[in-house]
C-alpha atoms as a PDB file:
ATOM      1  CA  MET A   1      -7.512 -10.166 -18.470  1.00  0.00           C
ATOM      2  CA  LYS A   2      -3.750  -8.689 -17.880  1.00  0.00           C
ATOM      3  CA  LYS A   3      -3.713  -6.076 -15.026  1.00  0.00           C
ATOM      4  CA  ARG A   4      -3.160  -3.130 -15.552  1.00  0.00           C
ATOM      5  CA  LEU A   5      -0.562  -0.527 -13.565  1.00  0.00           C
ATOM      6  CA  LEU A   6      -1.253   3.197 -13.539  1.00  0.00           C
ATOM      7  CA  VAL A   7       0.961   5.573 -11.560  1.00  0.00           C
ATOM      8  CA  VAL A   8      -0.052   9.010 -11.260  1.00  0.00           C
ATOM      9  CA  VAL A   9       2.183  11.414  -9.769  1.00  0.00           C
ATOM     10  CA  CYS A  10      -0.069  14.119  -7.382  1.00  0.00           C
ATOM     11  CA  PHE A  11       1.047  16.577  -4.585  1.00  0.00           C
ATOM     12  CA  LEU A  12      -1.639  17.529  -2.669  1.00  0.00           C
ATOM     13  CA  VAL A  13      -5.269  17.053  -1.838  1.00  0.00           C
ATOM     14  CA  ILE A  14      -7.044  18.559   1.295  1.00  0.00           C
ATOM     15  CA  ALA A  15      -9.930  16.795   3.263  1.00  0.00           C
ATOM     16  CA  GLY A  16      -9.717  16.869   6.934  1.00  0.00           C
ATOM     17  CA  ILE A  17      -7.409  14.444   9.197  1.00  0.00           C
ATOM     18  CA  ALA A  18      -4.036  13.439   8.392  1.00  0.00           C
ATOM     19  CA  LEU A  19      -4.247   9.655   8.032  1.00  0.00           C
ATOM     20  CA  ALA A  20      -2.930   6.564   5.954  1.00  0.00           C
ATOM     21  CA  ALA A  21      -4.047   2.977   5.118  1.00  0.00           C
ATOM     22  CA  THR A  22      -2.662  -0.671   5.410  1.00  0.00           C
ATOM     23  CA  ASP A  23      -4.043  -3.964   3.682  1.00  0.00           C
ATOM     24  CA  GLY A  24      -6.089  -4.841   7.036  1.00  0.00           C
ATOM     25  CA  LEU A  25      -6.483  -4.602  10.731  1.00  0.00           C
ATOM     26  CA  ARG A  26      -3.119  -4.980  12.771  1.00  0.00           C
ATOM     27  CA  LYS A  27      -1.485  -6.694   9.441  1.00  0.00           C
ATOM     28  CA  ASP A  28       2.163  -6.785   9.030  1.00  0.00           C
ATOM     29  CA  PHE A  29       1.543  -6.082   5.314  1.00  0.00           C
ATOM     30  CA  ILE A  30       3.907  -5.142   2.343  1.00  0.00           C
ATOM     31  CA  SER A  31       1.934  -2.663  -0.348  1.00  0.00           C
ATOM     32  CA  ASN A  32       3.861  -1.700  -2.924  1.00  0.00           C
ATOM     33  CA  GLY A  33       6.235   0.257  -4.115  1.00  0.00           C
ATOM     34  CA  ALA A  34       8.677   3.095  -5.605  1.00  0.00           C
ATOM     35  CA  ARG A  35      11.488   3.737  -7.534  1.00  0.00           C
ATOM     36  CA  ALA A  36      14.787   3.211  -6.034  1.00  0.00           C
ATOM     37  CA  ASN A  37      16.676   6.095  -4.791  1.00  0.00           C
ATOM     38  CA  LEU A  38      20.134   4.367  -5.949  1.00  0.00           C
ATOM     39  CA  THR A  39      23.054   5.190  -8.062  1.00  0.00           C
ATOM     40  CA  LEU A  40      22.698   2.233 -10.186  1.00  0.00           C
ATOM     41  CA  THR A  41      25.822   0.957 -11.977  1.00  0.00           C
ATOM     42  CA  GLU A  42      26.020   0.916 -16.160  1.00  0.00           C
ATOM     43  CA  GLN A  43      27.362  -2.697 -15.340  1.00  0.00           C
ATOM     44  CA  ASN A  44      25.030  -5.506 -15.688  1.00  0.00           C
ATOM     45  CA  ALA A  45      22.581  -3.226 -17.347  1.00  0.00           C
ATOM     46  CA  GLY A  46      20.544  -6.187 -18.462  1.00  0.00           C
ATOM     47  CA  GLY A  47      20.661  -9.999 -19.129  1.00  0.00           C
ATOM     48  CA  ALA A  48      19.423 -13.498 -17.709  1.00  0.00           C
ATOM     49  CA  ARG A  49      20.350 -14.906 -14.483  1.00  0.00           C
ATOM     50  CA  ASP A  50      18.727 -17.865 -12.244  1.00  0.00           C
ATOM     51  CA  GLY A  51      15.439 -17.842 -14.629  1.00  0.00           C
ATOM     52  CA  TYR A  52      15.084 -14.172 -14.914  1.00  0.00           C
ATOM     53  CA  GLN A  53      15.373 -11.678 -17.496  1.00  0.00           C
ATOM     54  CA  TYR A  54      16.093  -8.215 -16.428  1.00  0.00           C
ATOM     55  CA  ASN A  55      16.375  -4.858 -18.206  1.00  0.00           C
ATOM     56  CA  PHE A  56      17.965  -2.545 -15.575  1.00  0.00           C
ATOM     57  CA  ALA A  57      21.583  -2.641 -13.872  1.00  0.00           C
ATOM     58  CA  LEU A  58      22.111  -4.420 -10.870  1.00  0.00           C
ATOM     59  CA  ASP A  59      24.002  -2.340  -8.322  1.00  0.00           C
ATOM     60  CA  LYS A  60      26.461  -4.667  -6.570  1.00  0.00           C
ATOM     61  CA  ASN A  61      27.618  -2.089  -4.028  1.00  0.00           C
ATOM     62  CA  ALA A  62      24.894   0.031  -2.442  1.00  0.00           C
ATOM     63  CA  GLY A  63      26.987   0.914   0.741  1.00  0.00           C
ATOM     64  CA  GLU A  64      23.856   2.626   2.110  1.00  0.00           C
ATOM     65  CA  THR A  65      22.724   3.272   5.319  1.00  0.00           C
ATOM     66  CA  VAL A  66      19.216   3.968   5.681  1.00  0.00           C
ATOM     67  CA  ASN A  67      16.443   5.063   8.646  1.00  0.00           C
ATOM     68  CA  CYS A  68      14.572   2.300  10.623  1.00  0.00           C
ATOM     69  CA  TYR A  69      11.318   3.429  12.240  1.00  0.00           C
ATOM     70  CA  MET A  70       8.700   2.253  14.681  1.00  0.00           C
ATOM     71  CA  LEU A  71       4.987   3.027  15.182  1.00  0.00           C
ATOM     72  CA  LYS A  72       4.056   5.536  18.094  1.00  0.00           C
ATOM     73  CA  TYR A  73       1.203   4.425  19.305  1.00  0.00           C
ATOM     74  CA  ARG A  74      -1.700   5.973  20.872  1.00  0.00           C
ATOM     75  CA  GLN A  75      -4.807   5.308  22.734  1.00  0.00           C
ATOM     76  CA  ASP A  76      -8.351   6.194  21.236  1.00  0.00           C
ATOM     77  CA  ASP A  77     -11.502   6.332  23.396  1.00  0.00           C
ATOM     78  CA  TYR A  78     -15.169   5.042  22.319  1.00  0.00           C
ATOM     79  CA  GLU A  79     -16.214   8.839  21.758  1.00  0.00           C
ATOM     80  CA  GLY A  80     -13.459   9.696  19.516  1.00  0.00           C
ATOM     81  CA  ALA A  81     -13.860   6.237  17.579  1.00  0.00           C
ATOM     82  CA  ARG A  82     -17.546   7.163  17.180  1.00  0.00           C
ATOM     83  CA  LYS A  83     -17.179  10.682  15.650  1.00  0.00           C
ATOM     84  CA  TYR A  84     -15.143   9.145  13.137  1.00  0.00           C
ATOM     85  CA  ALA A  85     -17.614   6.248  12.375  1.00  0.00           C
ATOM     86  CA  GLU A  86     -20.311   8.955  11.775  1.00  0.00           C
ATOM     87  CA  ARG A  87     -18.724  10.218   9.036  1.00  0.00           C
ATOM     88  CA  PHE A  88     -19.583   6.511   6.784  1.00  0.00           C
ATOM     89  CA  ILE A  89     -22.143   5.562   8.047  1.00  0.00           C
ATOM     90  CA  GLU A  90     -25.593   5.802  10.098  1.00  0.00           C
ATOM     91  CA  ILE A  91     -24.507   3.779  13.326  1.00  0.00           C
ATOM     92  CA  ILE A  92     -27.225   1.143  14.707  1.00  0.00           C
ATOM     93  CA  SER A  93     -24.747  -0.917  16.912  1.00  0.00           C
ATOM     94  CA  PHE A  94     -21.282  -1.208  18.411  1.00  0.00           C
ATOM     95  CA  THR A  95     -19.213  -4.013  19.725  1.00  0.00           C
ATOM     96  CA  GLU A  96     -15.762  -3.871  21.205  1.00  0.00           C
ATOM     97  CA  ASP A  97     -12.635  -5.938  21.984  1.00  0.00           C
ATOM     98  CA  GLU A  98      -8.955  -5.625  23.196  1.00  0.00           C
ATOM     99  CA  PHE A  99      -8.025  -3.669  20.131  1.00  0.00           C
ATOM    100  CA  SER A 100     -10.743  -1.973  18.271  1.00  0.00           C
ATOM    101  CA  TYR A 101     -14.388  -0.897  17.999  1.00  0.00           C
ATOM    102  CA  THR A 102     -16.646  -1.954  15.275  1.00  0.00           C
ATOM    103  CA  PHE A 103     -19.665   0.113  14.346  1.00  0.00           C
ATOM    104  CA  ILE A 104     -22.621  -1.174  12.291  1.00  0.00           C
ATOM    105  CA  GLY A 105     -24.804   0.517   9.754  1.00  0.00           C
ATOM    106  CA  GLY A 106     -27.230  -0.388   7.037  1.00  0.00           C
ATOM    107  CA  ASP A 107     -24.564   1.033   4.451  1.00  0.00           C
ATOM    108  CA  GLY A 108     -22.030  -1.049   6.173  1.00  0.00           C
ATOM    109  CA  SER A 109     -19.694  -1.264   8.831  1.00  0.00           C
ATOM    110  CA  VAL A 110     -16.440   0.984  10.538  1.00  0.00           C
ATOM    111  CA  THR A 111     -13.885  -0.731  12.935  1.00  0.00           C
ATOM    112  CA  ILE A 112     -11.359   1.681  14.549  1.00  0.00           C
ATOM    113  CA  ASP A 113      -7.685   0.581  15.917  1.00  0.00           C
ATOM    114  CA  LYS A 114      -7.643   2.087  19.590  1.00  0.00           C
ATOM    115  CA  GLU A 115      -3.939   2.120  19.419  1.00  0.00           C
ATOM    116  CA  ILE A 116      -3.059   3.841  16.158  1.00  0.00           C
ATOM    117  CA  ASN A 117      -6.630   5.341  15.281  1.00  0.00           C
ATOM    118  CA  GLN A 118      -7.060   2.969  12.095  1.00  0.00           C
ATOM    119  CA  ILE A 119     -10.246   3.426   9.989  1.00  0.00           C
ATOM    120  CA  HIS A 120     -11.764   0.202   8.305  1.00  0.00           C
ATOM    121  CA  PHE A 121     -15.015   0.662   6.388  1.00  0.00           C
ATOM    122  CA  GLU A 122     -16.441  -2.236   4.564  1.00  0.00           C
ATOM    123  CA  SER A 123     -19.393  -1.133   2.613  1.00  0.00           C
ATOM    124  CA  ALA A 124     -22.732  -3.461   2.221  1.00  0.00           C
ATOM    125  CA  GLU A 125     -21.865  -3.882  -1.337  1.00  0.00           C
ATOM    126  CA  ALA A 126     -18.605  -5.856  -0.510  1.00  0.00           C
ATOM    127  CA  SER A 127     -20.257  -8.647   0.569  1.00  0.00           C
ATOM    128  CA  ALA A 128     -22.794  -8.358  -2.183  1.00  0.00           C
ATOM    129  CA  SER A 129     -22.919 -10.996  -4.941  1.00  0.00           C
ATOM    130  CA  GLY A 130     -22.834  -9.033  -8.107  1.00  0.00           C
ATOM    131  CA  TYR A 131     -22.220  -5.389  -9.474  1.00  0.00           C
ATOM    132  CA  GLN A 132     -24.176  -2.599  -9.715  1.00  0.00           C
ATOM    133  CA  GLY A 133     -24.058  -0.472 -13.367  1.00  0.00           C
ATOM    134  CA  SER A 134     -23.928   0.089 -16.464  1.00  0.00           C
ATOM    135  CA  GLU A 135     -20.615   1.493 -18.249  1.00  0.00           C
ATOM    136  CA  PHE A 136     -16.830   0.449 -16.339  1.00  0.00           C
ATOM    137  CA  ILE A 137     -14.718   3.285 -15.667  1.00  0.00           C
ATOM    138  CA  THR A 138     -11.493   3.876 -16.141  1.00  0.00           C
ATOM    139  CA  ASP A 139      -8.025   4.154 -14.326  1.00  0.00           C
ATOM    140  CA  LYS A 140      -8.345   7.823 -13.765  1.00  0.00           C
ATOM    141  CA  GLU A 141     -11.814   7.983 -12.640  1.00  0.00           C
ATOM    142  CA  SER A 142     -10.861   5.331 -10.054  1.00  0.00           C
ATOM    143  CA  ILE A 143      -8.395   7.854  -8.580  1.00  0.00           C
ATOM    144  CA  GLN A 144     -10.967  10.750  -8.571  1.00  0.00           C
ATOM    145  CA  LEU A 145     -13.554   8.414  -7.341  1.00  0.00           C
ATOM    146  CA  ALA A 146     -11.731   7.396  -4.459  1.00  0.00           C
ATOM    147  CA  GLU A 147     -10.118  10.630  -3.319  1.00  0.00           C
ATOM    148  CA  ASN A 148     -13.783  12.070  -3.436  1.00  0.00           C
ATOM    149  CA  PHE A 149     -14.833   9.610  -1.185  1.00  0.00           C
ATOM    150  CA  ILE A 150     -12.132  10.267   1.188  1.00  0.00           C
ATOM    151  CA  GLN A 151     -12.274  14.264   0.639  1.00  0.00           C
ATOM    152  CA  ASN A 152     -16.296  13.722   1.662  1.00  0.00           C
ATOM    153  CA  ARG A 153     -15.473  12.253   5.000  1.00  0.00           C
ATOM    154  CA  MET A 154     -13.501  15.279   5.850  1.00  0.00           C
ATOM    155  CA  LEU A 155     -10.067  13.654   6.143  1.00  0.00           C
ATOM    156  CA  VAL A 156      -6.811  15.142   4.428  1.00  0.00           C
ATOM    157  CA  LEU A 157      -5.281  13.017   1.717  1.00  0.00           C
ATOM    158  CA  PHE A 158      -1.549  13.832   1.276  1.00  0.00           C
ATOM    159  CA  TYR A 159       0.298  12.311  -1.420  1.00  0.00           C
ATOM    160  CA  GLU A 160       2.909  11.934  -4.093  1.00  0.00           C
ATOM    161  CA  GLU A 161       1.576   8.922  -6.429  1.00  0.00           C
ATOM    162  CA  ALA A 162      -1.716   7.128  -7.079  1.00  0.00           C
ATOM    163  CA  GLN A 163      -1.471   3.771  -8.070  1.00  0.00           C
ATOM    164  CA  VAL A 164      -4.192   1.847  -9.750  1.00  0.00           C
ATOM    165  CA  HIS A 165      -4.027  -1.844  -9.893  1.00  0.00           C
ATOM    166  CA  PHE A 166      -7.294  -3.653 -11.777  1.00  0.00           C
ATOM    167  CA  ASP A 167      -7.888  -7.506 -11.754  1.00  0.00           C
ATOM    168  CA  GLY A 168     -10.903  -7.501 -13.932  1.00  0.00           C
ATOM    169  CA  LYS A 169     -13.306  -6.899 -11.183  1.00  0.00           C
ATOM    170  CA  LYS A 170     -11.883  -4.523  -9.015  1.00  0.00           C
ATOM    171  CA  TYR A 171      -9.727  -1.702  -8.817  1.00  0.00           C
ATOM    172  CA  ARG A 172      -7.414  -1.045  -5.632  1.00  0.00           C
ATOM    173  CA  VAL A 173      -6.770   2.378  -5.685  1.00  0.00           C
ATOM    174  CA  ASN A 174      -2.978   3.495  -3.137  1.00  0.00           C
ATOM    175  CA  PHE A 175      -1.957   6.646  -2.449  1.00  0.00           C
ATOM    176  CA  ILE A 176       1.698   6.839  -1.991  1.00  0.00           C
ATOM    177  CA  ASN A 177       4.042   9.181   0.592  1.00  0.00           C
ATOM    178  CA  ARG A 178       7.367   9.227   1.702  1.00  0.00           C
ATOM    179  CA  ILE A 179       9.430   9.043   4.670  1.00  0.00           C
ATOM    180  CA  SER A 180      13.074  10.038   4.380  1.00  0.00           C
ATOM    181  CA  ASN A 181      13.910  10.234   1.227  1.00  0.00           C
ATOM    182  CA  LEU A 182      12.319   6.881   0.492  1.00  0.00           C
ATOM    183  CA  LYS A 183       8.703   5.975  -0.939  1.00  0.00           C
ATOM    184  CA  ASN A 184       6.502   4.612   2.002  1.00  0.00           C
ATOM    185  CA  TYR A 185       4.366   1.014   1.567  1.00  0.00           C
ATOM    186  CA  ALA A 186       4.065   0.098   4.647  1.00  0.00           C
ATOM    187  CA  PHE A 187       0.869   1.816   4.998  1.00  0.00           C
ATOM    188  CA  SER A 188      -0.892   3.844   2.577  1.00  0.00           C
ATOM    189  CA  ASN A 189      -4.106   4.596   1.744  1.00  0.00           C
ATOM    190  CA  ARG A 190      -6.133   2.357  -0.010  1.00  0.00           C
ATOM    191  CA  ILE A 191      -9.694   2.096  -1.336  1.00  0.00           C
ATOM    192  CA  ILE A 192     -11.271  -1.225  -3.323  1.00  0.00           C
ATOM    193  CA  MET A 193     -14.261   0.065  -5.602  1.00  0.00           C
ATOM    194  CA  ASP A 194     -15.873  -2.507  -8.247  1.00  0.00           C
ATOM    195  CA  LYS A 195     -15.278  -1.761 -12.335  1.00  0.00           C
ATOM    196  CA  PHE A 196     -18.812   0.415 -11.782  1.00  0.00           C
ATOM    197  CA  GLY A 197     -16.956   2.342  -9.284  1.00  0.00           C
ATOM    198  CA  ASN A 198     -19.134   1.454  -6.073  1.00  0.00           C
ATOM    199  CA  ILE A 199     -16.677   1.807  -3.165  1.00  0.00           C
ATOM    200  CA  LEU A 200     -16.586  -1.606  -1.231  1.00  0.00           C
ATOM    201  CA  THR A 201     -13.692  -1.103   1.124  1.00  0.00           C
ATOM    202  CA  LEU A 202     -11.361   2.069   2.341  1.00  0.00           C
ATOM    203  CA  ASP A 203      -8.466   1.333   4.759  1.00  0.00           C
ATOM    204  CA  TYR A 204      -7.070   4.785   6.258  1.00  0.00           C
ATOM    205  CA  PHE A 205      -5.299   5.254   9.536  1.00  0.00           C
ATOM    206  CA  SER A 206      -2.873   7.854  11.359  1.00  0.00           C
ATOM    207  CA  ILE A 207       0.569   7.509  11.622  1.00  0.00           C
ATOM    208  CA  GLN A 208       3.387   8.539  13.748  1.00  0.00           C
ATOM    209  CA  TYR A 209       6.477   7.491  13.815  1.00  0.00           C
ATOM    210  CA  ASP A 210       9.866   6.797  15.875  1.00  0.00           C
ATOM    211  CA  LYS A 211      13.323   6.912  14.594  1.00  0.00           C
ATOM    212  CA  VAL A 212      14.976   3.720  16.677  1.00  0.00           C
ATOM    213  CA  GLY A 213      18.110   3.932  14.327  1.00  0.00           C
ATOM    214  CA  ASP A 214      19.982   3.219  11.129  1.00  0.00           C
ATOM    215  CA  CYS A 215      20.572  -0.107   9.433  1.00  0.00           C
ATOM    216  CA  ASN A 216      22.742  -0.992   6.368  1.00  0.00           C
ATOM    217  CA  ILE A 217      21.453  -2.504   3.533  1.00  0.00           C
ATOM    218  CA  LYS A 218      22.291  -5.410   1.004  1.00  0.00           C
ATOM    219  CA  SER A 219      23.165  -4.497  -2.526  1.00  0.00           C
ATOM    220  CA  MET A 220      20.560  -4.849  -4.929  1.00  0.00           C
ATOM    221  CA  ASP A 221      22.566  -8.051  -6.286  1.00  0.00           C
ATOM    222  CA  GLU A 222      21.954  -9.388  -3.206  1.00  0.00           C
ATOM    223  CA  ALA A 223      18.512  -8.886  -3.501  1.00  0.00           C
ATOM    224  CA  PHE A 224      18.312 -10.253  -6.848  1.00  0.00           C
ATOM    225  CA  CYS A 225      19.758 -13.508  -5.393  1.00  0.00           C
ATOM    226  CA  GLU A 226      17.469 -14.269  -3.157  1.00  0.00           C
ATOM    227  CA  LEU A 227      14.281 -14.173  -5.479  1.00  0.00           C
ATOM    228  CA  PRO A 228      13.999 -17.754  -6.338  1.00  0.00           C
ATOM    229  CA  LYS A 229      13.367 -18.629  -2.697  1.00  0.00           C
ATOM    230  CA  LEU A 230      10.600 -16.324  -2.844  1.00  0.00           C
ATOM    231  CA  THR A 231       8.216 -16.929  -5.632  1.00  0.00           C
ATOM    232  CA  ASP A 232       7.571 -20.267  -7.867  1.00  0.00           C
ATOM    233  CA  LYS A 233       6.611 -18.088 -10.618  1.00  0.00           C
ATOM    234  CA  ASP A 234       8.503 -18.894 -13.755  1.00  0.00           C
ATOM    235  CA  ASN A 235       9.885 -17.263 -16.556  1.00  0.00           C
ATOM    236  CA  ILE A 236      10.199 -13.520 -15.175  1.00  0.00           C
ATOM    237  CA  THR A 237      10.931 -10.819 -16.908  1.00  0.00           C
ATOM    238  CA  LEU A 238      12.060  -7.829 -14.097  1.00  0.00           C
ATOM    239  CA  SER A 239      11.376  -4.174 -15.402  1.00  0.00           C
ATOM    240  CA  ASP A 240      12.454  -2.280 -12.364  1.00  0.00           C
ATOM    241  CA  CYS A 241      13.662  -2.153  -8.767  1.00  0.00           C
ATOM    242  CA  GLN A 242      12.609   0.274  -6.112  1.00  0.00           C
ATOM    243  CA  LEU A 243      13.773   0.676  -2.544  1.00  0.00           C
ATOM    244  CA  VAL A 244      10.944   1.362  -0.914  1.00  0.00           C
ATOM    245  CA  TYR A 245       9.819   1.054   3.178  1.00  0.00           C
ATOM    246  CA  ILE A 246       8.193  -2.112   4.513  1.00  0.00           C
ATOM    247  CA  TYR A 247       6.448  -2.956   7.957  1.00  0.00           C
ATOM    248  CA  ASP A 248       8.058  -6.312   9.357  1.00  0.00           C
ATOM    249  CA  ASN A 249       8.557  -7.737  12.448  1.00  0.00           C
ATOM    250  CA  SER A 250       7.133  -4.267  13.966  1.00  0.00           C
ATOM    251  CA  ILE A 251      10.191  -2.093  12.289  1.00  0.00           C
ATOM    252  CA  ILE A 252       9.142   0.170   9.184  1.00  0.00           C
ATOM    253  CA  GLN A 253      12.469  -0.857   7.287  1.00  0.00           C
ATOM    254  CA  PRO A 254      13.781  -0.800   3.587  1.00  0.00           C
ATOM    255  CA  ALA A 255      12.885  -3.167   1.210  1.00  0.00           C
ATOM    256  CA  TYR A 256      13.676  -3.850  -2.564  1.00  0.00           C
ATOM    257  CA  TYR A 257      10.587  -4.419  -4.994  1.00  0.00           C
ATOM    258  CA  PHE A 258      11.475  -5.711  -7.731  1.00  0.00           C
ATOM    259  CA  ILE A 259       8.045  -5.625 -10.486  1.00  0.00           C
ATOM    260  CA  GLY A 260       7.895  -7.317 -14.154  1.00  0.00           C
ATOM    261  CA  SER A 261       6.130  -9.796 -15.636  1.00  0.00           C
ATOM    262  CA  ALA A 262       5.736 -13.325 -15.837  1.00  0.00           C
ATOM    263  CA  ALA A 263       5.049 -16.023 -18.270  1.00  0.00           C
ATOM    264  CA  ASP A 264       1.324 -15.954 -17.910  1.00  0.00           C
ATOM    265  CA  ASP A 265       1.198 -12.387 -18.743  1.00  0.00           C
ATOM    266  CA  GLN A 266       0.227 -11.286 -14.651  1.00  0.00           C
ATOM    267  CA  THR A 267       1.996  -8.459 -12.977  1.00  0.00           C
ATOM    268  CA  PHE A 268       5.087  -9.722 -10.967  1.00  0.00           C
ATOM    269  CA  GLU A 269       5.624  -8.308  -8.040  1.00  0.00           C
ATOM    270  CA  CYS A 270       8.365  -8.998  -5.113  1.00  0.00           C
ATOM    271  CA  PHE A 271       9.673  -7.578  -2.105  1.00  0.00           C
ATOM    272  CA  VAL A 272      13.048  -8.615  -0.488  1.00  0.00           C
ATOM    273  CA  LYS A 273      13.798  -7.270   2.733  1.00  0.00           C
ATOM    274  CA  ALA A 274      17.077  -5.064   2.577  1.00  0.00           C
ATOM    275  CA  ALA A 275      18.072  -4.077   6.202  1.00  0.00           C
ATOM    276  CA  VAL A 276      21.406  -5.858   7.851  1.00  0.00           C
ATOM    277  CA  PHE A 277      20.928  -5.588  11.160  1.00  0.00           C
END
């Protein structure tokens, strides 16, 4: 089934404690992007090059300077972590290592990072072999279910966009915010649910940033030229390019997010780091 991407613009959802999410515990990862905050030239407004079709202008002279950030770490103790976990499960046992606390219950598990207070919830259904339900949910219903799940656990949810990805079996809902004037996809609240609306996992964590300086960015055209080195897909049609923040090498830094479709009719997404250090 062809992947679907729905972007819903929202403003504010209130629930309790300001947090955001990542793709997994203590991973440097890149999530989905937002529209580039660039003034594109009218030159090269579309065409074909290096095996790629593109339907937008390539900005050859970005000449921009963008802020870069580092995470501000903090230490959370056992009692604070346990209070978060109790919002999700009735705790039966727990384990601890250098980086995190993990609480186990009948409904699933909650792992909380000690330094950035990341919450990773995994329901018991996440490891089940089948799905329960009779009617498939819609994209919009998946957003509402994700909002409700977070709100009902007394957590705050600020977001500007909700993005829904459906692969035929599972929905992934990402809630997107900004840092400065750019969308932040380094860390975004994320919920995965099955096609019937059963919540499988949540990634949600507090974010505080320290500015570490400015960096120059390469042009969109330069980033475009790097695409063939980063993917083995053929016959790509690009529909948009967006300048966003990603998390790489412990720095929150700018990147170009290219999106389009591949020959197999699947959504194509690729991130090219934009910072020139």
